[in-house]
């Protein structure tokens, strides 16, 4: 007999108010999709009413610098580590794990009949 599974749908998030929250990166993963390779950074809110709430930042898996600035992924890493990387620098992504920062959550929206809540920006830890 083979392995059996039950087909399910995506899990909808429980929305929280759009705001700035203290957080940390608790994990990351890489994958590939319609628009190419991407990274998921998983953040967890660390204090307050919504402590323990998790949200994802999904960005292209590109650590690039250009005339218009850094890629979304590189910008998040630079913000969390407090380092400015130059072209050809090597990045140890594990450096961002469990580092304090802040996330700006946007208003929840429906996308493909699923409620999502995006991280609009990653900010340094409050002083």
N, C-alpha and C. Protein backbone atom coordinates (compact mmCIF):
# COMPACT_ATOMS: atom_id res chain seq x y z
N UNK A 1 0.85 -1.18 0.00
CA UNK A 1 0.00 0.00 0.00
C UNK A 1 0.90 1.24 0.00
N UNK A 2 0.54 2.24 -0.76
CA UNK A 2 1.33 3.46 -0.88
C UNK A 2 1.06 4.46 0.25
N UNK A 3 1.80 5.54 0.22
CA UNK A 3 1.62 6.62 1.19
C UNK A 3 0.40 7.43 0.79
N UNK A 4 -0.45 7.74 1.75
CA UNK A 4 -1.68 8.48 1.47
C UNK A 4 -1.61 9.86 2.09
N UNK A 5 -2.16 10.81 1.38
CA UNK A 5 -2.22 12.20 1.83
C UNK A 5 -3.61 12.75 1.56
N UNK A 6 -3.96 13.81 2.25
CA UNK A 6 -5.23 14.50 2.02
C UNK A 6 -4.92 15.81 1.31
N UNK A 7 -5.65 16.11 0.27
CA UNK A 7 -5.48 17.35 -0.47
C UNK A 7 -6.09 18.49 0.35
N UNK A 8 -5.33 19.54 0.54
CA UNK A 8 -5.82 20.71 1.27
C UNK A 8 -5.58 21.95 0.43
N UNK A 9 -6.07 23.04 0.88
CA UNK A 9 -5.83 24.32 0.24
C UNK A 9 -4.84 25.13 1.04
N UNK A 10 -4.46 26.28 0.53
CA UNK A 10 -3.54 27.13 1.28
C UNK A 10 -4.17 27.59 2.60
N UNK A 11 -3.34 27.80 3.59
CA UNK A 11 -3.82 28.25 4.89
C UNK A 11 -3.87 29.78 4.89
N UNK A 12 -5.04 30.30 5.23
CA UNK A 12 -5.20 31.75 5.26
C UNK A 12 -4.67 32.30 6.58
N UNK A 13 -4.04 33.46 6.51
CA UNK A 13 -3.50 34.10 7.71
C UNK A 13 -4.61 34.77 8.51
N UNK A 14 -4.33 34.98 9.77
CA UNK A 14 -5.20 35.80 10.60
C UNK A 14 -4.61 37.21 10.53
N UNK A 15 -5.34 38.17 9.97
CA UNK A 15 -4.78 39.50 9.80
C UNK A 15 -4.58 40.21 11.14
N UNK A 16 -3.57 41.08 11.16
CA UNK A 16 -3.34 41.96 12.30
C UNK A 16 -3.25 43.38 11.74
N UNK A 17 -3.37 44.39 12.57
CA UNK A 17 -3.34 45.76 12.06
C UNK A 17 -2.03 46.08 11.34
N UNK A 18 -2.13 46.82 10.25
CA UNK A 18 -0.95 47.30 9.54
C UNK A 18 -0.20 48.25 10.47
N UNK A 19 1.09 48.00 10.65
CA UNK A 19 1.87 48.80 11.59
C UNK A 19 3.32 48.36 11.50
N UNK A 20 4.16 48.95 12.35
CA UNK A 20 5.56 48.57 12.47
C UNK A 20 5.68 47.68 13.71
N UNK A 21 6.32 46.51 13.55
CA UNK A 21 6.43 45.56 14.65
C UNK A 21 7.88 45.12 14.86
N UNK A 22 8.30 44.97 16.13
CA UNK A 22 9.62 44.40 16.40
C UNK A 22 9.58 42.92 16.01
N UNK A 23 10.64 42.46 15.34
CA UNK A 23 10.62 41.09 14.83
C UNK A 23 12.04 40.54 14.71
N UNK A 24 12.10 39.30 14.27
CA UNK A 24 13.38 38.68 13.95
C UNK A 24 13.13 37.64 12.85
N UNK A 25 14.18 37.32 12.10
CA UNK A 25 14.08 36.28 11.07
C UNK A 25 14.26 34.94 11.78
N UNK A 26 13.31 34.04 11.60
CA UNK A 26 13.42 32.73 12.25
C UNK A 26 13.74 31.63 11.25
N UNK A 27 13.72 31.96 9.97
CA UNK A 27 14.06 30.95 8.97
C UNK A 27 14.02 31.53 7.57
N UNK A 28 14.56 30.76 6.64
CA UNK A 28 14.52 31.16 5.24
C UNK A 28 14.53 29.92 4.38
N UNK A 29 14.04 30.06 3.15
CA UNK A 29 14.07 28.96 2.20
C UNK A 29 14.14 29.54 0.79
N UNK A 30 14.63 28.72 -0.12
CA UNK A 30 14.74 29.12 -1.51
C UNK A 30 13.85 28.22 -2.35
N UNK A 31 13.31 28.80 -3.42
CA UNK A 31 12.46 28.02 -4.32
C UNK A 31 12.51 28.66 -5.69
N UNK A 32 11.79 28.07 -6.62
CA UNK A 32 11.72 28.59 -7.98
C UNK A 32 10.26 28.63 -8.40
N UNK A 33 9.90 29.67 -9.14
CA UNK A 33 8.52 29.81 -9.58
C UNK A 33 8.44 30.39 -10.97
N UNK A 34 7.28 30.86 -11.33
CA UNK A 34 7.02 31.41 -12.65
C UNK A 34 7.99 32.54 -13.02
N UNK A 35 8.36 33.35 -12.03
CA UNK A 35 9.22 34.50 -12.29
C UNK A 35 10.68 34.26 -11.93
N UNK A 36 11.06 32.99 -11.71
CA UNK A 36 12.44 32.67 -11.42
C UNK A 36 12.67 32.28 -9.97
N UNK A 37 13.93 32.26 -9.58
CA UNK A 37 14.31 31.85 -8.22
C UNK A 37 13.92 32.94 -7.22
N UNK A 38 13.45 32.50 -6.04
CA UNK A 38 13.09 33.46 -5.01
C UNK A 38 13.46 32.92 -3.63
N UNK A 39 13.44 33.83 -2.67
CA UNK A 39 13.73 33.49 -1.28
C UNK A 39 12.53 33.89 -0.43
N UNK A 40 12.25 33.08 0.59
CA UNK A 40 11.23 33.41 1.58
C UNK A 40 11.96 33.62 2.90
N UNK A 41 11.83 34.81 3.45
CA UNK A 41 12.35 35.09 4.78
C UNK A 41 11.16 35.04 5.73
N UNK A 42 11.24 34.20 6.75
CA UNK A 42 10.15 34.09 7.71
C UNK A 42 10.48 34.91 8.96
N UNK A 43 9.64 35.89 9.24
CA UNK A 43 9.80 36.76 10.39
C UNK A 43 8.79 36.38 11.46
N UNK A 44 9.18 36.60 12.71
CA UNK A 44 8.27 36.41 13.83
C UNK A 44 8.28 37.67 14.67
N UNK A 45 7.10 38.17 14.98
CA UNK A 45 6.98 39.35 15.84
C UNK A 45 7.40 38.93 17.24
N UNK A 46 8.25 39.75 17.88
CA UNK A 46 8.89 39.33 19.13
C UNK A 46 8.26 39.87 20.41
N UNK A 47 7.55 40.98 20.35
CA UNK A 47 6.96 41.53 21.57
C UNK A 47 5.58 42.11 21.29
N UNK A 48 4.86 42.36 22.36
CA UNK A 48 3.55 43.01 22.24
C UNK A 48 2.42 42.03 22.04
N UNK A 49 1.26 42.57 21.75
CA UNK A 49 0.04 41.81 21.59
C UNK A 49 0.16 40.71 20.55
N UNK A 50 0.91 40.96 19.49
CA UNK A 50 0.98 40.01 18.38
C UNK A 50 2.27 39.19 18.40
N UNK A 51 2.94 39.14 19.56
CA UNK A 51 4.15 38.34 19.72
C UNK A 51 3.88 36.90 19.27
N UNK A 52 4.79 36.35 18.48
CA UNK A 52 4.63 35.00 17.97
C UNK A 52 4.00 34.93 16.59
N UNK A 53 3.40 36.04 16.13
CA UNK A 53 2.80 36.07 14.80
C UNK A 53 3.91 36.02 13.76
N UNK A 54 3.70 35.21 12.72
CA UNK A 54 4.71 35.03 11.67
C UNK A 54 4.22 35.61 10.35
N UNK A 55 5.14 36.20 9.63
CA UNK A 55 4.85 36.73 8.29
C UNK A 55 6.06 36.46 7.39
N UNK A 56 5.80 36.35 6.09
CA UNK A 56 6.85 36.08 5.11
C UNK A 56 7.18 37.30 4.27
N UNK A 57 8.45 37.44 3.96
CA UNK A 57 8.90 38.40 2.95
C UNK A 57 9.40 37.54 1.79
N UNK A 58 8.79 37.70 0.64
CA UNK A 58 9.18 36.94 -0.54
C UNK A 58 9.84 37.91 -1.52
N UNK A 59 11.05 37.55 -1.97
CA UNK A 59 11.80 38.43 -2.86
C UNK A 59 12.59 37.58 -3.86
N UNK A 60 12.92 38.19 -4.97
CA UNK A 60 13.78 37.54 -5.95
C UNK A 60 15.10 37.16 -5.28
N UNK A 61 15.61 36.00 -5.62
CA UNK A 61 16.87 35.52 -5.02
C UNK A 61 18.05 36.17 -5.74
N UNK A 62 18.10 37.48 -5.65
CA UNK A 62 19.18 38.24 -6.26
C UNK A 62 19.75 39.18 -5.22
N UNK A 63 21.04 39.08 -5.02
CA UNK A 63 21.72 40.02 -4.12
C UNK A 63 22.49 40.97 -5.03
N UNK A 64 21.77 41.95 -5.56
CA UNK A 64 22.37 42.85 -6.55
C UNK A 64 22.38 44.29 -6.06
N UNK A 65 23.37 45.01 -6.56
CA UNK A 65 23.49 46.45 -6.33
C UNK A 65 23.52 47.11 -7.70
N UNK A 66 22.84 48.23 -7.80
CA UNK A 66 22.81 48.96 -9.05
C UNK A 66 22.65 50.43 -8.80
N UNK A 67 22.49 51.18 -9.88
CA UNK A 67 22.34 52.63 -9.78
C UNK A 67 21.10 53.01 -8.97
N UNK A 68 20.06 52.16 -9.02
CA UNK A 68 18.82 52.46 -8.30
C UNK A 68 18.83 51.91 -6.88
N UNK A 69 19.93 51.28 -6.46
CA UNK A 69 20.01 50.74 -5.10
C UNK A 69 20.13 49.24 -5.10
N UNK A 70 19.90 48.66 -3.95
CA UNK A 70 20.04 47.22 -3.76
C UNK A 70 18.74 46.50 -4.07
N UNK A 71 18.85 45.21 -4.40
CA UNK A 71 17.66 44.38 -4.58
C UNK A 71 16.93 44.27 -3.24
N UNK A 72 15.66 43.90 -3.29
CA UNK A 72 14.83 43.79 -2.08
C UNK A 72 15.47 42.81 -1.09
N UNK A 73 15.99 41.70 -1.57
CA UNK A 73 16.62 40.69 -0.74
C UNK A 73 17.88 41.24 -0.08
N UNK A 74 18.75 41.86 -0.87
CA UNK A 74 19.99 42.41 -0.32
C UNK A 74 19.69 43.56 0.65
N UNK A 75 18.71 44.37 0.32
CA UNK A 75 18.34 45.49 1.20
C UNK A 75 17.91 44.97 2.58
N UNK A 76 17.13 43.90 2.60
CA UNK A 76 16.69 43.31 3.87
C UNK A 76 17.89 42.80 4.66
N UNK A 77 18.80 42.11 4.00
CA UNK A 77 19.99 41.58 4.68
C UNK A 77 20.86 42.71 5.22
N UNK A 78 21.08 43.74 4.42
CA UNK A 78 21.89 44.87 4.88
C UNK A 78 21.25 45.58 6.07
N UNK A 79 19.94 45.72 6.04
CA UNK A 79 19.22 46.37 7.14
C UNK A 79 19.35 45.56 8.42
N UNK A 80 19.17 44.27 8.33
CA UNK A 80 19.19 43.41 9.52
C UNK A 80 20.60 43.30 10.10
N UNK A 81 21.61 43.15 9.23
CA UNK A 81 22.99 42.97 9.73
C UNK A 81 23.67 44.29 10.04
N UNK A 82 23.17 45.39 9.46
CA UNK A 82 23.83 46.68 9.63
C UNK A 82 25.09 46.82 8.78
N UNK A 83 25.28 45.90 7.84
CA UNK A 83 26.45 45.93 6.96
C UNK A 83 26.06 46.43 5.58
N UNK A 84 26.99 47.08 4.91
CA UNK A 84 26.82 47.47 3.51
C UNK A 84 27.75 46.60 2.68
N UNK A 85 27.18 45.78 1.84
CA UNK A 85 27.96 44.88 1.02
C UNK A 85 28.36 45.54 -0.29
N UNK A 86 29.54 45.21 -0.76
CA UNK A 86 30.02 45.68 -2.06
C UNK A 86 29.89 44.53 -3.06
N UNK A 87 29.95 44.86 -4.34
CA UNK A 87 29.92 43.83 -5.37
C UNK A 87 31.05 42.85 -5.09
N UNK A 88 30.78 41.60 -5.28
CA UNK A 88 31.67 40.44 -5.06
C UNK A 88 31.82 40.05 -3.59
N UNK A 89 31.24 40.79 -2.63
CA UNK A 89 31.27 40.36 -1.23
C UNK A 89 30.43 39.09 -1.10
N UNK A 90 30.84 38.23 -0.20
CA UNK A 90 30.08 37.02 0.09
C UNK A 90 29.17 37.29 1.28
N UNK A 91 27.95 36.79 1.18
CA UNK A 91 26.96 36.98 2.25
C UNK A 91 26.68 35.65 2.91
N UNK A 92 26.74 35.63 4.23
CA UNK A 92 26.34 34.46 5.00
C UNK A 92 24.92 34.73 5.48
N UNK A 93 23.96 34.13 4.83
CA UNK A 93 22.55 34.41 5.13
C UNK A 93 22.19 34.00 6.56
N UNK A 94 22.89 33.02 7.11
CA UNK A 94 22.61 32.61 8.49
C UNK A 94 22.84 33.75 9.48
N UNK A 95 23.61 34.77 9.08
CA UNK A 95 23.86 35.92 9.96
C UNK A 95 22.59 36.66 10.35
N UNK A 96 21.54 36.55 9.55
CA UNK A 96 20.32 37.30 9.84
C UNK A 96 19.40 36.57 10.81
N UNK A 97 19.66 35.28 11.02
CA UNK A 97 18.78 34.50 11.90
C UNK A 97 18.81 35.03 13.33
N UNK A 98 17.63 35.22 13.89
CA UNK A 98 17.43 35.66 15.28
C UNK A 98 17.97 37.05 15.58
N UNK A 99 18.28 37.85 14.56
CA UNK A 99 18.73 39.23 14.77
C UNK A 99 17.49 40.12 14.89
N UNK A 100 17.48 41.02 15.86
CA UNK A 100 16.33 41.91 16.01
C UNK A 100 16.25 42.94 14.87
N UNK A 101 15.04 43.22 14.47
CA UNK A 101 14.76 44.23 13.44
C UNK A 101 13.30 44.66 13.64
N UNK A 102 12.79 45.40 12.70
CA UNK A 102 11.37 45.75 12.70
C UNK A 102 10.82 45.49 11.30
N UNK A 103 9.56 45.12 11.23
CA UNK A 103 8.91 44.92 9.94
C UNK A 103 7.72 45.85 9.83
N UNK A 104 7.49 46.35 8.64
CA UNK A 104 6.33 47.18 8.35
C UNK A 104 5.31 46.30 7.64
N UNK A 105 4.22 45.98 8.34
CA UNK A 105 3.17 45.17 7.74
C UNK A 105 2.17 46.07 7.04
N UNK A 106 1.81 45.67 5.83
CA UNK A 106 0.81 46.41 5.05
C UNK A 106 -0.58 45.92 5.42
N UNK A 107 -1.58 46.61 4.91
CA UNK A 107 -2.97 46.20 5.12
C UNK A 107 -3.18 44.83 4.47
N UNK A 108 -3.95 43.95 5.11
CA UNK A 108 -4.25 42.65 4.49
C UNK A 108 -5.06 42.85 3.20
N UNK A 109 -4.80 41.99 2.22
CA UNK A 109 -5.54 42.04 0.95
C UNK A 109 -5.92 40.63 0.52
N UNK A 110 -6.94 40.53 -0.31
CA UNK A 110 -7.33 39.24 -0.89
C UNK A 110 -6.61 39.09 -2.22
N UNK A 111 -5.95 37.94 -2.41
CA UNK A 111 -5.29 37.64 -3.67
C UNK A 111 -5.63 36.20 -4.02
N UNK A 112 -6.25 36.01 -5.16
CA UNK A 112 -6.70 34.67 -5.56
C UNK A 112 -7.55 34.02 -4.48
N UNK A 113 -8.48 34.79 -3.92
CA UNK A 113 -9.40 34.33 -2.87
C UNK A 113 -8.70 33.90 -1.58
N UNK A 114 -7.47 34.40 -1.37
CA UNK A 114 -6.72 34.09 -0.17
C UNK A 114 -6.31 35.39 0.50
N UNK A 115 -6.49 35.49 1.80
CA UNK A 115 -6.11 36.69 2.54
C UNK A 115 -4.61 36.65 2.80
N UNK A 116 -3.88 37.69 2.37
CA UNK A 116 -2.44 37.78 2.59
C UNK A 116 -2.11 39.12 3.25
N UNK A 117 -0.96 39.18 3.86
CA UNK A 117 -0.49 40.43 4.48
C UNK A 117 0.99 40.52 4.24
N UNK A 118 1.37 41.45 3.39
CA UNK A 118 2.77 41.60 2.96
C UNK A 118 3.59 42.44 3.95
N UNK A 119 4.88 42.12 3.98
CA UNK A 119 5.85 42.96 4.67
C UNK A 119 6.29 43.99 3.65
N UNK A 120 5.99 45.26 3.93
CA UNK A 120 6.33 46.33 3.00
C UNK A 120 7.80 46.72 3.06
N UNK A 121 8.39 46.60 4.25
CA UNK A 121 9.77 47.04 4.43
C UNK A 121 10.33 46.41 5.70
N UNK A 122 11.65 46.24 5.69
CA UNK A 122 12.36 45.79 6.88
C UNK A 122 13.16 46.99 7.39
N UNK A 123 13.04 47.27 8.67
CA UNK A 123 13.72 48.40 9.29
C UNK A 123 14.72 47.90 10.33
N UNK A 124 15.74 48.72 10.62
CA UNK A 124 16.66 48.31 11.70
C UNK A 124 15.93 48.27 13.04
N UNK A 125 16.54 47.59 13.98
CA UNK A 125 16.02 47.54 15.34
C UNK A 125 15.90 48.96 15.88
N UNK A 126 14.85 49.21 16.66
CA UNK A 126 14.66 50.53 17.26
C UNK A 126 15.79 50.82 18.24
N UNK A 127 16.21 52.07 18.28
CA UNK A 127 17.33 52.46 19.19
C UNK A 127 16.90 52.49 20.61
